[in-house]
Every structure is written in structure tokens, then in C-alpha cells.
Amino acid sequence: MATRDKNIWILIVFILSGLVIGGLLGELASKVDFLWWLSYGQDFGLSSPVVLDLNIIKLTFGLQLKINIASIIGMAIAIFIYRKV
């Protein structure tokens, strides 16, 4: 029952690092002919930022995620490592 003692924040860090490293490797793999499929993915989020103008301060909100095959593989590896640790 070691999994109950683990902190949820560690899991979140593992998953986010898997997504970031996988995304980076996917973008690098897009330049290699036989690894192009790792960079296949989709963009999610706001295409243009939302601006809130309050006359004193102007706030701009925006969020966009790009998920590709390599980032999904990286996330799966991160979860696997988390479960083994």
C-alpha cells in the first residue's frame, strides 16, 4: 500500500514533466523523416487572448496547449515511473 503514502503533487509534477519533455522531443522529432509521427497532435485553448481593460490596468488572459504523440508517451512513462517509485 505504498501508493497511498505518495503525495498527489509529486504525481502532478511527474505528469507535467512528462508532457513537457515529450512535447519537446516531439518537436525535435518533426525534423527527422522517419519520426514525423511523434509530432502529430492538436492545439487546444484560446486562439486569441482575452483582454480585460479596467482603465487603470489591462489584463490579458490566454492559454494554449499543444498535445502530440510524444507528449502522451512521455506522460505514460512518467506515470509508470511514479508507480514504480
PDB file of N, CA and C in Angstrom:
ATOM      1  N   MET A   1       0.804  -1.188   0.000  1.00  0.00           N
ATOM      2  CA  MET A   1       0.000   0.000   0.000  1.00  0.00           C
ATOM      3  C   MET A   1       0.854   1.263   0.000  1.00  0.00           C
ATOM      4  N   ALA A   2       1.974   1.213  -0.686  1.00  0.00           N
ATOM      5  CA  ALA A   2       2.863   2.362  -0.737  1.00  0.00           C
ATOM      6  C   ALA A   2       2.277   3.503  -1.556  1.00  0.00           C
ATOM      7  N   THR A   3       1.340   3.201  -2.451  1.00  0.00           N
ATOM      8  CA  THR A   3       0.785   4.252  -3.292  1.00  0.00           C
ATOM      9  C   THR A   3      -0.073   5.236  -2.502  1.00  0.00           C
ATOM     10  N   ARG A   4      -0.635   4.818  -1.367  1.00  0.00           N
ATOM     11  CA  ARG A   4      -1.448   5.734  -0.561  1.00  0.00           C
ATOM     12  C   ARG A   4      -0.591   6.757   0.168  1.00  0.00           C
ATOM     13  N   ASP A   5       0.663   6.436   0.416  1.00  0.00           N
ATOM     14  CA  ASP A   5       1.545   7.348   1.122  1.00  0.00           C
ATOM     15  C   ASP A   5       2.130   8.414   0.200  1.00  0.00           C
ATOM     16  N   LYS A   6       2.022   8.235  -1.110  1.00  0.00           N
ATOM     17  CA  LYS A   6       2.612   9.183  -2.046  1.00  0.00           C
ATOM     18  C   LYS A   6       1.777  10.462  -2.108  1.00  0.00           C
ATOM     19  N   ASN A   7       2.449  11.538  -2.378  1.00  0.00           N
ATOM     20  CA  ASN A   7       1.808  12.835  -2.450  1.00  0.00           C
ATOM     21  C   ASN A   7       1.266  13.063  -3.859  1.00  0.00           C
ATOM     22  N   ILE A   8       0.078  13.638  -3.970  1.00  0.00           N
ATOM     23  CA  ILE A   8      -0.537  13.895  -5.268  1.00  0.00           C
ATOM     24  C   ILE A   8       0.243  14.948  -6.048  1.00  0.00           C
ATOM     25  N   TRP A   9       0.924  15.838  -5.347  1.00  0.00           N
ATOM     26  CA  TRP A   9       1.699  16.878  -6.026  1.00  0.00           C
ATOM     27  C   TRP A   9       2.886  16.288  -6.767  1.00  0.00           C
ATOM     28  N   ILE A  10       3.442  15.224  -6.233  1.00  0.00           N
ATOM     29  CA  ILE A  10       4.548  14.560  -6.927  1.00  0.00           C
ATOM     30  C   ILE A  10       4.044  13.953  -8.235  1.00  0.00           C
ATOM     31  N   LEU A  11       2.854  13.373  -8.211  1.00  0.00           N
ATOM     32  CA  LEU A  11       2.264  12.827  -9.426  1.00  0.00           C
ATOM     33  C   LEU A  11       2.034  13.921 -10.461  1.00  0.00           C
ATOM     34  N   ILE A  12       1.538  15.062 -10.034  1.00  0.00           N
ATOM     35  CA  ILE A  12       1.299  16.175 -10.951  1.00  0.00           C
ATOM     36  C   ILE A  12       2.603  16.657 -11.563  1.00  0.00           C
ATOM     37  N   VAL A  13       3.651  16.752 -10.767  1.00  0.00           N
ATOM     38  CA  VAL A  13       4.956  17.166 -11.282  1.00  0.00           C
ATOM     39  C   VAL A  13       5.486  16.143 -12.284  1.00  0.00           C
ATOM     40  N   PHE A  14       5.332  14.865 -11.980  1.00  0.00           N
ATOM     41  CA  PHE A  14       5.764  13.814 -12.896  1.00  0.00           C
ATOM     42  C   PHE A  14       5.021  13.917 -14.224  1.00  0.00           C
ATOM     43  N   ILE A  15       3.707  14.085 -14.171  1.00  0.00           N
ATOM     44  CA  ILE A  15       2.909  14.154 -15.394  1.00  0.00           C
ATOM     45  C   ILE A  15       3.267  15.388 -16.211  1.00  0.00           C
ATOM     46  N   LEU A  16       3.398  16.540 -15.558  1.00  0.00           N
ATOM     47  CA  LEU A  16       3.744  17.756 -16.281  1.00  0.00           C
ATOM     48  C   LEU A  16       5.134  17.679 -16.895  1.00  0.00           C
ATOM     49  N   SER A  17       6.077  17.100 -16.173  1.00  0.00           N
ATOM     50  CA  SER A  17       7.418  16.958 -16.743  1.00  0.00           C
ATOM     51  C   SER A  17       7.400  15.986 -17.914  1.00  0.00           C
ATOM     52  N   GLY A  18       6.594  14.932 -17.835  1.00  0.00           N
ATOM     53  CA  GLY A  18       6.464  14.012 -18.963  1.00  0.00           C
ATOM     54  C   GLY A  18       5.863  14.694 -20.175  1.00  0.00           C
ATOM     55  N   LEU A  19       4.864  15.548 -19.956  1.00  0.00           N
ATOM     56  CA  LEU A  19       4.257  16.280 -21.052  1.00  0.00           C
ATOM     57  C   LEU A  19       5.241  17.260 -21.696  1.00  0.00           C
ATOM     58  N   VAL A  20       5.987  17.983 -20.877  1.00  0.00           N
ATOM     59  CA  VAL A  20       6.921  18.982 -21.402  1.00  0.00           C
ATOM     60  C   VAL A  20       8.072  18.320 -22.143  1.00  0.00           C
ATOM     61  N   ILE A  21       8.681  17.315 -21.533  1.00  0.00           N
ATOM     62  CA  ILE A  21       9.806  16.636 -22.180  1.00  0.00           C
ATOM     63  C   ILE A  21       9.343  15.909 -23.437  1.00  0.00           C
ATOM     64  N   GLY A  22       8.181  15.257 -23.366  1.00  0.00           N
ATOM     65  CA  GLY A  22       7.636  14.585 -24.540  1.00  0.00           C
ATOM     66  C   GLY A  22       7.303  15.560 -25.656  1.00  0.00           C
ATOM     67  N   GLY A  23       6.742  16.707 -25.309  1.00  0.00           N
ATOM     68  CA  GLY A  23       6.445  17.732 -26.312  1.00  0.00           C
ATOM     69  C   GLY A  23       7.694  18.266 -26.975  1.00  0.00           C
ATOM     70  N   LEU A  24       8.731  18.475 -26.172  1.00  0.00           N
ATOM     71  CA  LEU A  24      10.000  18.939 -26.725  1.00  0.00           C
ATOM     72  C   LEU A  24      10.597  17.896 -27.664  1.00  0.00           C
ATOM     73  N   LEU A  25      10.585  16.641 -27.242  1.00  0.00           N
ATOM     74  CA  LEU A  25      11.112  15.576 -28.097  1.00  0.00           C
ATOM     75  C   LEU A  25      10.265  15.401 -29.356  1.00  0.00           C
ATOM     76  N   GLY A  26       8.969  15.619 -29.250  1.00  0.00           N
ATOM     77  CA  GLY A  26       8.101  15.548 -30.421  1.00  0.00           C
ATOM     78  C   GLY A  26       8.415  16.633 -31.436  1.00  0.00           C
ATOM     79  N   GLU A  27       8.673  17.841 -30.945  1.00  0.00           N
ATOM     80  CA  GLU A  27       9.037  18.919 -31.860  1.00  0.00           C
ATOM     81  C   GLU A  27      10.392  18.668 -32.516  1.00  0.00           C
ATOM     82  N   LEU A  28      11.340  18.118 -31.752  1.00  0.00           N
ATOM     83  CA  LEU A  28      12.633  17.779 -32.337  1.00  0.00           C
ATOM     84  C   LEU A  28      12.508  16.633 -33.341  1.00  0.00           C
ATOM     85  N   ALA A  29      11.611  15.690 -33.063  1.00  0.00           N
ATOM     86  CA  ALA A  29      11.420  14.544 -33.953  1.00  0.00           C
ATOM     87  C   ALA A  29      10.730  14.942 -35.252  1.00  0.00           C
ATOM     88  N   SER A  30      10.056  16.083 -35.274  1.00  0.00           N
ATOM     89  CA  SER A  30       9.374  16.505 -36.503  1.00  0.00           C
ATOM     90  C   SER A  30      10.361  16.806 -37.625  1.00  0.00           C
ATOM     91  N   LYS A  31      11.607  17.063 -37.286  1.00  0.00           N
ATOM     92  CA  LYS A  31      12.625  17.361 -38.289  1.00  0.00           C
ATOM     93  C   LYS A  31      13.284  16.104 -38.847  1.00  0.00           C
ATOM     94  N   VAL A  32      12.987  14.934 -38.262  1.00  0.00           N
ATOM     95  CA  VAL A  32      13.530  13.664 -38.715  1.00  0.00           C
ATOM     96  C   VAL A  32      12.453  12.965 -39.538  1.00  0.00           C
ATOM     97  N   ASP A  33      12.826  12.489 -40.730  1.00  0.00           N
ATOM     98  CA  ASP A  33      11.841  11.939 -41.661  1.00  0.00           C
ATOM     99  C   ASP A  33      11.053  10.762 -41.104  1.00  0.00           C
ATOM    100  N   PHE A  34      11.705   9.800 -40.485  1.00  0.00           N
ATOM    101  CA  PHE A  34      11.000   8.599 -40.048  1.00  0.00           C
ATOM    102  C   PHE A  34      10.390   8.730 -38.657  1.00  0.00           C
ATOM    103  N   LEU A  35      10.542   9.891 -38.002  1.00  0.00           N
ATOM    104  CA  LEU A  35       9.928  10.126 -36.689  1.00  0.00           C
ATOM    105  C   LEU A  35       8.870  11.234 -36.721  1.00  0.00           C
ATOM    106  N   TRP A  36       8.405  11.604 -37.904  1.00  0.00           N
ATOM    107  CA  TRP A  36       7.445  12.699 -38.033  1.00  0.00           C
ATOM    108  C   TRP A  36       6.159  12.436 -37.254  1.00  0.00           C
ATOM    109  N   TRP A  37       5.794  11.173 -37.107  1.00  0.00           N
ATOM    110  CA  TRP A  37       4.535  10.815 -36.471  1.00  0.00           C
ATOM    111  C   TRP A  37       4.512  11.164 -34.986  1.00  0.00           C
ATOM    112  N   LEU A  38       5.686  11.328 -34.367  1.00  0.00           N
ATOM    113  CA  LEU A  38       5.724  11.713 -32.951  1.00  0.00           C
ATOM    114  C   LEU A  38       5.249  13.152 -32.733  1.00  0.00           C
ATOM    115  N   SER A  39       5.349  13.984 -33.765  1.00  0.00           N
ATOM    116  CA  SER A  39       4.937  15.382 -33.619  1.00  0.00           C
ATOM    117  C   SER A  39       3.488  15.614 -34.028  1.00  0.00           C
ATOM    118  N   TYR A  40       2.794  14.570 -34.443  1.00  0.00           N
ATOM    119  CA  TYR A  40       1.387  14.709 -34.817  1.00  0.00           C
ATOM    120  C   TYR A  40       0.565  15.002 -33.567  1.00  0.00           C
ATOM    121  N   GLY A  41      -0.221  16.067 -33.619  1.00  0.00           N
ATOM    122  CA  GLY A  41      -1.001  16.417 -32.439  1.00  0.00           C
ATOM    123  C   GLY A  41      -2.032  17.475 -32.721  1.00  0.00           C
ATOM    124  N   GLN A  42      -2.530  18.073 -31.661  1.00  0.00           N
ATOM    125  CA  GLN A  42      -3.615  19.031 -31.736  1.00  0.00           C
ATOM    126  C   GLN A  42      -3.349  20.180 -30.770  1.00  0.00           C
ATOM    127  N   ASP A  43      -3.801  21.378 -31.150  1.00  0.00           N
ATOM    128  CA  ASP A  43      -3.723  22.549 -30.280  1.00  0.00           C
ATOM    129  C   ASP A  43      -5.076  22.769 -29.619  1.00  0.00           C
ATOM    130  N   PHE A  44      -5.052  23.063 -28.320  1.00  0.00           N
ATOM    131  CA  PHE A  44      -6.262  23.350 -27.556  1.00  0.00           C
ATOM    132  C   PHE A  44      -6.075  24.683 -26.848  1.00  0.00           C
ATOM    133  N   GLY A  45      -7.144  25.433 -26.730  1.00  0.00           N
ATOM    134  CA  GLY A  45      -7.085  26.661 -25.955  1.00  0.00           C
ATOM    135  C   GLY A  45      -7.655  27.844 -26.703  1.00  0.00           C
ATOM    136  N   LEU A  46      -7.282  29.017 -26.244  1.00  0.00           N
ATOM    137  CA  LEU A  46      -7.751  30.259 -26.846  1.00  0.00           C
ATOM    138  C   LEU A  46      -6.809  30.642 -27.984  1.00  0.00           C
ATOM    139  N   SER A  47      -7.354  30.832 -29.182  1.00  0.00           N
ATOM    140  CA  SER A  47      -6.504  31.215 -30.313  1.00  0.00           C
ATOM    141  C   SER A  47      -6.068  32.678 -30.205  1.00  0.00           C
ATOM    142  N   SER A  48      -6.931  33.521 -29.660  1.00  0.00           N
ATOM    143  CA  SER A  48      -6.547  34.904 -29.399  1.00  0.00           C
ATOM    144  C   SER A  48      -6.805  35.191 -27.914  1.00  0.00           C
ATOM    145  N   PRO A  49      -5.926  35.944 -27.286  1.00  0.00           N
ATOM    146  CA  PRO A  49      -6.089  36.184 -25.845  1.00  0.00           C
ATOM    147  C   PRO A  49      -7.303  37.062 -25.537  1.00  0.00           C
ATOM    148  N   VAL A  50      -7.842  36.878 -24.339  1.00  0.00           N
ATOM    149  CA  VAL A  50      -8.960  37.678 -23.853  1.00  0.00           C
ATOM    150  C   VAL A  50      -8.378  38.853 -23.079  1.00  0.00           C
ATOM    151  N   VAL A  51      -8.823  40.056 -23.427  1.00  0.00           N
ATOM    152  CA  VAL A  51      -8.290  41.273 -22.802  1.00  0.00           C
ATOM    153  C   VAL A  51      -9.377  41.890 -21.932  1.00  0.00           C
ATOM    154  N   LEU A  52      -9.010  42.192 -20.688  1.00  0.00           N
ATOM    155  CA  LEU A  52      -9.904  42.858 -19.751  1.00  0.00           C
ATOM    156  C   LEU A  52      -9.316  44.236 -19.455  1.00  0.00           C
ATOM    157  N   ASP A  53      -9.957  45.265 -19.967  1.00  0.00           N
ATOM    158  CA  ASP A  53      -9.468  46.634 -19.805  1.00  0.00           C
ATOM    159  C   ASP A  53     -10.276  47.317 -18.704  1.00  0.00           C
ATOM    160  N   LEU A  54      -9.612  47.630 -17.590  1.00  0.00           N
ATOM    161  CA  LEU A  54     -10.267  48.268 -16.450  1.00  0.00           C
ATOM    162  C   LEU A  54      -9.891  49.739 -16.306  1.00  0.00           C
ATOM    163  N   ASN A  55      -9.375  50.344 -17.348  1.00  0.00           N
ATOM    164  CA  ASN A  55      -8.951  51.741 -17.407  1.00  0.00           C
ATOM    165  C   ASN A  55      -7.708  52.033 -16.572  1.00  0.00           C
ATOM    166  N   ILE A  56      -7.528  51.386 -15.472  1.00  0.00           N
ATOM    167  CA  ILE A  56      -6.333  51.560 -14.655  1.00  0.00           C
ATOM    168  C   ILE A  56      -5.306  50.498 -15.008  1.00  0.00           C
ATOM    169  N   ILE A  57      -5.813  49.311 -15.235  1.00  0.00           N
ATOM    170  CA  ILE A  57      -4.942  48.180 -15.542  1.00  0.00           C
ATOM    171  C   ILE A  57      -5.586  47.366 -16.664  1.00  0.00           C
ATOM    172  N   LYS A  58      -4.759  46.839 -17.518  1.00  0.00           N
ATOM    173  CA  LYS A  58      -5.241  45.998 -18.606  1.00  0.00           C
ATOM    174  C   LYS A  58      -4.698  44.586 -18.397  1.00  0.00           C
ATOM    175  N   LEU A  59      -5.606  43.623 -18.264  1.00  0.00           N
ATOM    176  CA  LEU A  59      -5.233  42.229 -18.052  1.00  0.00           C
ATOM    177  C   LEU A  59      -5.470  41.429 -19.329  1.00  0.00           C
ATOM    178  N   THR A  60      -4.504  40.594 -19.664  1.00  0.00           N
ATOM    179  CA  THR A  60      -4.621  39.738 -20.838  1.00  0.00           C
ATOM    180  C   THR A  60      -4.528  38.291 -20.391  1.00  0.00           C
ATOM    181  N   PHE A  61      -5.535  37.501 -20.747  1.00  0.00           N
ATOM    182  CA  PHE A  61      -5.586  36.095 -20.383  1.00  0.00           C
ATOM    183  C   PHE A  61      -5.471  35.250 -21.649  1.00  0.00           C
ATOM    184  N   GLY A  62      -4.664  34.225 -21.578  1.00  0.00           N
ATOM    185  CA  GLY A  62      -4.554  33.306 -22.697  1.00  0.00           C
ATOM    186  C   GLY A  62      -3.949  31.991 -22.244  1.00  0.00           C
ATOM    187  N   LEU A  63      -4.398  30.919 -22.856  1.00  0.00           N
ATOM    188  CA  LEU A  63      -3.877  29.599 -22.537  1.00  0.00           C
ATOM    189  C   LEU A  63      -4.015  28.724 -23.774  1.00  0.00           C
ATOM    190  N   GLN A  64      -2.921  28.079 -24.153  1.00  0.00           N
ATOM    191  CA  GLN A  64      -2.969  27.179 -25.284  1.00  0.00           C
ATOM    192  C   GLN A  64      -2.069  25.990 -25.006  1.00  0.00           C
ATOM    193  N   LEU A  65      -2.591  24.803 -25.234  1.00  0.00           N
ATOM    194  CA  LEU A  65      -1.854  23.566 -25.031  1.00  0.00           C
ATOM    195  C   LEU A  65      -1.679  22.871 -26.371  1.00  0.00           C
ATOM    196  N   LYS A  66      -0.500  22.333 -26.603  1.00  0.00           N
ATOM    197  CA  LYS A  66      -0.269  21.534 -27.796  1.00  0.00           C
ATOM    198  C   LYS A  66       0.096  20.134 -27.327  1.00  0.00           C
ATOM    199  N   ILE A  67      -0.793  19.200 -27.601  1.00  0.00           N
ATOM    200  CA  ILE A  67      -0.595  17.811 -27.212  1.00  0.00           C
ATOM    201  C   ILE A  67      -0.212  17.038 -28.464  1.00  0.00           C
ATOM    202  N   ASN A  68       0.909  16.308 -28.400  1.00  0.00           N
ATOM    203  CA  ASN A  68       1.297  15.457 -29.519  1.00  0.00           C
ATOM    204  C   ASN A  68       1.551  14.036 -29.015  1.00  0.00           C
ATOM    205  N   ILE A  69       1.833  13.147 -29.946  1.00  0.00           N
ATOM    206  CA  ILE A  69       2.015  11.735 -29.607  1.00  0.00           C
ATOM    207  C   ILE A  69       3.168  11.559 -28.617  1.00  0.00           C
ATOM    208  N   ALA A  70       4.256  12.275 -28.831  1.00  0.00           N
ATOM    209  CA  ALA A  70       5.415  12.149 -27.941  1.00  0.00           C
ATOM    210  C   ALA A  70       5.093  12.623 -26.527  1.00  0.00           C
ATOM    211  N   SER A  71       4.274  13.656 -26.381  1.00  0.00           N
ATOM    212  CA  SER A  71       3.927  14.116 -25.030  1.00  0.00           C
ATOM    213  C   SER A  71       3.011  13.120 -24.328  1.00  0.00           C
ATOM    214  N   ILE A  72       2.150  12.437 -25.083  1.00  0.00           N
ATOM    215  CA  ILE A  72       1.309  11.398 -24.480  1.00  0.00           C
ATOM    216  C   ILE A  72       2.172  10.222 -24.031  1.00  0.00           C
ATOM    217  N   ILE A  73       3.151   9.844 -24.852  1.00  0.00           N
ATOM    218  CA  ILE A  73       4.085   8.777 -24.469  1.00  0.00           C
ATOM    219  C   ILE A  73       4.887   9.196 -23.250  1.00  0.00           C
ATOM    220  N   GLY A  74       5.342  10.449 -23.208  1.00  0.00           N
ATOM    221  CA  GLY A  74       6.078  10.959 -22.055  1.00  0.00           C
ATOM    222  C   GLY A  74       5.252  10.952 -20.795  1.00  0.00           C
ATOM    223  N   MET A  75       3.966  11.281 -20.897  1.00  0.00           N
ATOM    224  CA  MET A  75       3.078  11.254 -19.746  1.00  0.00           C
ATOM    225  C   MET A  75       2.884   9.822 -19.251  1.00  0.00           C
ATOM    226  N   ALA A  76       2.729   8.879 -20.182  1.00  0.00           N
ATOM    227  CA  ALA A  76       2.568   7.476 -19.794  1.00  0.00           C
ATOM    228  C   ALA A  76       3.819   6.952 -19.102  1.00  0.00           C
ATOM    229  N   ILE A  77       4.991   7.317 -19.607  1.00  0.00           N
ATOM    230  CA  ILE A  77       6.250   6.899 -18.969  1.00  0.00           C
ATOM    231  C   ILE A  77       6.375   7.517 -17.578  1.00  0.00           C
ATOM    232  N   ALA A  78       5.968   8.780 -17.437  1.00  0.00           N
ATOM    233  CA  ALA A  78       6.029   9.445 -16.130  1.00  0.00           C
ATOM    234  C   ALA A  78       5.118   8.766 -15.116  1.00  0.00           C
ATOM    235  N   ILE A  79       3.924   8.368 -15.527  1.00  0.00           N
ATOM    236  CA  ILE A  79       3.018   7.660 -14.620  1.00  0.00           C
ATOM    237  C   ILE A  79       3.590   6.299 -14.260  1.00  0.00           C
ATOM    238  N   PHE A  80       4.185   5.612 -15.232  1.00  0.00           N
ATOM    239  CA  PHE A  80       4.807   4.315 -14.966  1.00  0.00           C
ATOM    240  C   PHE A  80       5.946   4.458 -13.952  1.00  0.00           C
ATOM    241  N   ILE A  81       6.792   5.472 -14.122  1.00  0.00           N
ATOM    242  CA  ILE A  81       7.901   5.695 -13.185  1.00  0.00           C
ATOM    243  C   ILE A  81       7.363   6.042 -11.804  1.00  0.00           C
ATOM    244  N   TYR A  82       6.313   6.866 -11.748  1.00  0.00           N
ATOM    245  CA  TYR A  82       5.708   7.235 -10.471  1.00  0.00           C
ATOM    246  C   TYR A  82       5.193   6.005  -9.715  1.00  0.00           C
ATOM    247  N   ARG A  83       4.571   5.102 -10.441  1.00  0.00           N
ATOM    248  CA  ARG A  83       4.030   3.893  -9.784  1.00  0.00           C
ATOM    249  C   ARG A  83       5.132   2.972  -9.295  1.00  0.00           C
ATOM    250  N   LYS A  84       6.293   2.992  -9.962  1.00  0.00           N
ATOM    251  CA  LYS A  84       7.413   2.124  -9.557  1.00  0.00           C
ATOM    252  C   LYS A  84       8.192   2.717  -8.385  1.00  0.00           C
ATOM    253  N   VAL A  85       8.154   4.028  -8.233  1.00  0.00           N
ATOM    254  CA  VAL A  85       8.925   4.677  -7.166  1.00  0.00           C
ATOM    255  C   VAL A  85       8.229   4.587  -5.894  1.00  0.00           C
TER     256      VAL A  85
END
